Amino acid sequence: MEIEIESRKDNKLLQREEVRFTLRYEGKTPGRHKVRKQLKDLLGKNVIILEYLKPVYGASEARGYARAYSSEKRAREVEPLHIVKRNLSGSPEPQEEPAQEPAPAETEKQAEEAPEGGQ
């Protein structure tokens, strides 16, 4: 697997680097994880968000677009939720929500609906 960088753009406002690249490979298209790992080594950034990887019909290559961040926190602040879920291991930042128990009225309804005495 070989990655050729076509263009690099430093986006100072969003504190990231935007990269368009061509990926050459043999056999089947490599997984997103392998591509992110190689881009991480190539670019020297901590977090790589792979926006898309599109195989070229009839050739053993794909074109892609990725964004590189120096911190995961910044990537989570900027990127849409579905992109974060797709690219970063685990789920997006866990949000603490109190466990809600069913309201008393709901439990009473369920008790009334259940048949008594097994008949």
C-alpha atoms as a PDB file:
ATOM      1  CA  MET A   1       0.000   0.000   0.000  1.00  0.00           C
ATOM      2  CA  GLU A   2       1.417   3.345  -1.078  1.00  0.00           C
ATOM      3  CA  ILE A   3       0.004   6.816  -0.401  1.00  0.00           C
ATOM      4  CA  GLU A   4       0.788   9.755  -2.659  1.00  0.00           C
ATOM      5  CA  ILE A   5      -0.179  13.181  -1.303  1.00  0.00           C
ATOM      6  CA  GLU A   6      -1.799  15.280  -4.038  1.00  0.00           C
ATOM      7  CA  SER A   7      -2.424  18.423  -2.005  1.00  0.00           C
ATOM      8  CA  ARG A   8      -1.963  19.677   1.557  1.00  0.00           C
ATOM      9  CA  LYS A   9      -3.673  22.712   3.007  1.00  0.00           C
ATOM     10  CA  ASP A  10      -3.023  24.121   6.463  1.00  0.00           C
ATOM     11  CA  ASN A  11      -6.321  25.398   7.896  1.00  0.00           C
ATOM     12  CA  LYS A  12      -5.227  27.621  10.784  1.00  0.00           C
ATOM     13  CA  LEU A  13      -8.736  28.706  11.708  1.00  0.00           C
ATOM     14  CA  LEU A  14      -9.832  25.138  12.508  1.00  0.00           C
ATOM     15  CA  GLN A  15      -6.334  24.051  13.621  1.00  0.00           C
ATOM     16  CA  ARG A  16      -6.071  21.184  11.167  1.00  0.00           C
ATOM     17  CA  GLU A  17      -4.346  20.072   7.989  1.00  0.00           C
ATOM     18  CA  GLU A  18      -6.478  18.990   5.006  1.00  0.00           C
ATOM     19  CA  VAL A  19      -5.012  16.356   2.685  1.00  0.00           C
ATOM     20  CA  ARG A  20      -6.112  14.931  -0.674  1.00  0.00           C
ATOM     21  CA  PHE A  21      -4.312  11.737  -1.632  1.00  0.00           C
ATOM     22  CA  THR A  22      -4.144   8.769  -3.972  1.00  0.00           C
ATOM     23  CA  LEU A  23      -3.820   5.303  -2.489  1.00  0.00           C
ATOM     24  CA  ARG A  24      -2.263   2.505  -4.556  1.00  0.00           C
ATOM     25  CA  TYR A  25      -2.687  -1.072  -3.380  1.00  0.00           C
ATOM     26  CA  GLU A  26      -2.794  -4.699  -4.483  1.00  0.00           C
ATOM     27  CA  GLY A  27      -5.790  -6.951  -3.950  1.00  0.00           C
ATOM     28  CA  LYS A  28      -8.830  -5.580  -2.173  1.00  0.00           C
ATOM     29  CA  THR A  29      -9.190  -1.991  -0.974  1.00  0.00           C
ATOM     30  CA  PRO A  30      -7.479  -1.560   2.415  1.00  0.00           C
ATOM     31  CA  GLY A  31      -9.646  -0.853   5.447  1.00  0.00           C
ATOM     32  CA  ARG A  32     -10.099   2.645   6.832  1.00  0.00           C
ATOM     33  CA  HIS A  33      -8.082   1.763   9.933  1.00  0.00           C
ATOM     34  CA  LYS A  34      -4.992   0.792   7.907  1.00  0.00           C
ATOM     35  CA  VAL A  35      -5.233   3.931   5.773  1.00  0.00           C
ATOM     36  CA  ARG A  36      -5.598   6.176   8.856  1.00  0.00           C
ATOM     37  CA  LYS A  37      -2.596   4.494  10.493  1.00  0.00           C
ATOM     38  CA  GLN A  38      -0.373   5.030   7.446  1.00  0.00           C
ATOM     39  CA  LEU A  39      -1.527   8.652   7.055  1.00  0.00           C
ATOM     40  CA  LYS A  40      -0.808   9.231  10.750  1.00  0.00           C
ATOM     41  CA  ASP A  41       2.780   8.009  10.263  1.00  0.00           C
ATOM     42  CA  LEU A  42       3.164   9.996   7.045  1.00  0.00           C
ATOM     43  CA  LEU A  43       1.773  13.307   8.349  1.00  0.00           C
ATOM     44  CA  GLY A  44       3.060  13.115  11.917  1.00  0.00           C
ATOM     45  CA  LYS A  45      -0.266  14.152  13.481  1.00  0.00           C
ATOM     46  CA  ASN A  46      -2.078  12.517  16.407  1.00  0.00           C
ATOM     47  CA  VAL A  47      -5.597  12.252  14.973  1.00  0.00           C
ATOM     48  CA  ILE A  48      -6.617  11.495  11.376  1.00  0.00           C
ATOM     49  CA  ILE A  49     -10.228  11.912  10.247  1.00  0.00           C
ATOM     50  CA  LEU A  50     -10.755  10.058   6.980  1.00  0.00           C
ATOM     51  CA  GLU A  51     -13.643  11.817   5.221  1.00  0.00           C
ATOM     52  CA  TYR A  52     -13.841   9.476   2.234  1.00  0.00           C
ATOM     53  CA  LEU A  53     -11.940   6.819   0.339  1.00  0.00           C
ATOM     54  CA  LYS A  54     -13.295   6.189  -3.176  1.00  0.00           C
ATOM     55  CA  PRO A  55     -11.903   3.321  -5.268  1.00  0.00           C
ATOM     56  CA  VAL A  56     -11.180   4.095  -8.927  1.00  0.00           C
ATOM     57  CA  TYR A  57     -13.100   1.766 -11.247  1.00  0.00           C
ATOM     58  CA  GLY A  58     -10.865  -0.766 -12.987  1.00  0.00           C
ATOM     59  CA  ALA A  59      -7.676   0.218 -11.171  1.00  0.00           C
ATOM     60  CA  SER A  60      -5.969  -0.782  -7.939  1.00  0.00           C
ATOM     61  CA  GLU A  61      -6.123   2.702  -6.519  1.00  0.00           C
ATOM     62  CA  ALA A  62      -8.440   4.936  -4.559  1.00  0.00           C
ATOM     63  CA  ARG A  63      -8.705   8.668  -4.011  1.00  0.00           C
ATOM     64  CA  GLY A  64      -9.285  10.040  -0.565  1.00  0.00           C
ATOM     65  CA  TYR A  65      -9.651  13.123   1.591  1.00  0.00           C
ATOM     66  CA  ALA A  66      -8.537  13.345   5.197  1.00  0.00           C
ATOM     67  CA  ARG A  67      -8.148  15.948   7.920  1.00  0.00           C
ATOM     68  CA  ALA A  68      -5.320  15.773  10.452  1.00  0.00           C
ATOM     69  CA  TYR A  69      -5.571  17.240  13.957  1.00  0.00           C
ATOM     70  CA  SER A  70      -2.965  17.509  16.678  1.00  0.00           C
ATOM     71  CA  SER A  71      -5.484  16.572  19.398  1.00  0.00           C
ATOM     72  CA  GLU A  72      -8.562  14.362  19.625  1.00  0.00           C
ATOM     73  CA  LYS A  73     -10.356  17.039  21.654  1.00  0.00           C
ATOM     74  CA  ARG A  74     -10.103  19.537  18.793  1.00  0.00           C
ATOM     75  CA  ALA A  75     -11.300  16.940  16.259  1.00  0.00           C
ATOM     76  CA  ARG A  76     -14.384  16.200  18.396  1.00  0.00           C
ATOM     77  CA  GLU A  77     -15.165  19.940  18.671  1.00  0.00           C
ATOM     78  CA  VAL A  78     -15.004  20.555  14.917  1.00  0.00           C
ATOM     79  CA  GLU A  79     -16.164  17.366  13.180  1.00  0.00           C
ATOM     80  CA  PRO A  80     -19.811  16.255  12.803  1.00  0.00           C
ATOM     81  CA  LEU A  81     -20.940  13.472  15.129  1.00  0.00           C
ATOM     82  CA  HIS A  82     -21.301  10.781  12.444  1.00  0.00           C
ATOM     83  CA  ILE A  83     -17.769  11.437  11.176  1.00  0.00           C
ATOM     84  CA  VAL A  84     -16.402  11.215  14.735  1.00  0.00           C
ATOM     85  CA  LYS A  85     -18.191   7.882  15.264  1.00  0.00           C
ATOM     86  CA  ARG A  86     -16.814   6.521  11.992  1.00  0.00           C
ATOM     87  CA  ASN A  87     -13.207   7.553  12.600  1.00  0.00           C
ATOM     88  CA  LEU A  88     -12.385   7.616  16.286  1.00  0.00           C
ATOM     89  CA  SER A  89     -12.290   4.405  18.241  1.00  0.00           C
ATOM     90  CA  GLY A  90     -15.123   3.986  20.692  1.00  0.00           C
ATOM     91  CA  SER A  91     -18.135   6.214  20.806  1.00  0.00           C
ATOM     92  CA  PRO A  92     -18.174  10.005  20.896  1.00  0.00           C
ATOM     93  CA  GLU A  93     -17.581  11.652  24.244  1.00  0.00           C
ATOM     94  CA  PRO A  94     -19.760   9.911  26.802  1.00  0.00           C
ATOM     95  CA  GLN A  95     -22.504  12.149  28.045  1.00  0.00           C
ATOM     96  CA  GLU A  96     -23.550  11.456  31.583  1.00  0.00           C
ATOM     97  CA  GLU A  97     -27.292  11.061  31.749  1.00  0.00           C
ATOM     98  CA  PRO A  98     -29.038   9.929  34.901  1.00  0.00           C
ATOM     99  CA  ALA A  99     -30.744   6.582  34.552  1.00  0.00           C
ATOM    100  CA  GLN A 100     -34.462   7.234  34.469  1.00  0.00           C
ATOM    101  CA  GLU A 101     -36.829   4.797  36.082  1.00  0.00           C
ATOM    102  CA  PRO A 102     -40.317   4.419  34.638  1.00  0.00           C
ATOM    103  CA  ALA A 103     -42.842   6.760  36.142  1.00  0.00           C
ATOM    104  CA  PRO A 104     -45.123   5.253  38.842  1.00  0.00           C
ATOM    105  CA  ALA A 105     -48.160   5.596  36.552  1.00  0.00           C
ATOM    106  CA  GLU A 106     -46.481   3.391  33.910  1.00  0.00           C
ATOM    107  CA  THR A 107     -45.634   0.636  36.397  1.00  0.00           C
ATOM    108  CA  GLU A 108     -49.203   0.642  37.724  1.00  0.00           C
ATOM    109  CA  LYS A 109     -50.556   0.262  34.164  1.00  0.00           C
ATOM    110  CA  GLN A 110     -48.246  -2.692  33.529  1.00  0.00           C
ATOM    111  CA  ALA A 111     -49.371  -4.333  36.783  1.00  0.00           C
ATOM    112  CA  GLU A 112     -53.066  -3.905  35.822  1.00  0.00           C
ATOM    113  CA  GLU A 113     -52.490  -5.436  32.362  1.00  0.00           C
ATOM    114  CA  ALA A 114     -50.769  -8.562  33.732  1.00  0.00           C
ATOM    115  CA  PRO A 115     -53.214 -11.444  34.328  1.00  0.00           C
ATOM    116  CA  GLU A 116     -53.580 -12.524  37.930  1.00  0.00           C
ATOM    117  CA  GLY A 117     -53.588 -16.100  39.167  1.00  0.00           C
ATOM    118  CA  GLY A 118     -52.210 -17.539  35.911  1.00  0.00           C
ATOM    119  CA  GLN A 119     -55.658 -17.895  34.261  1.00  0.00           C
END
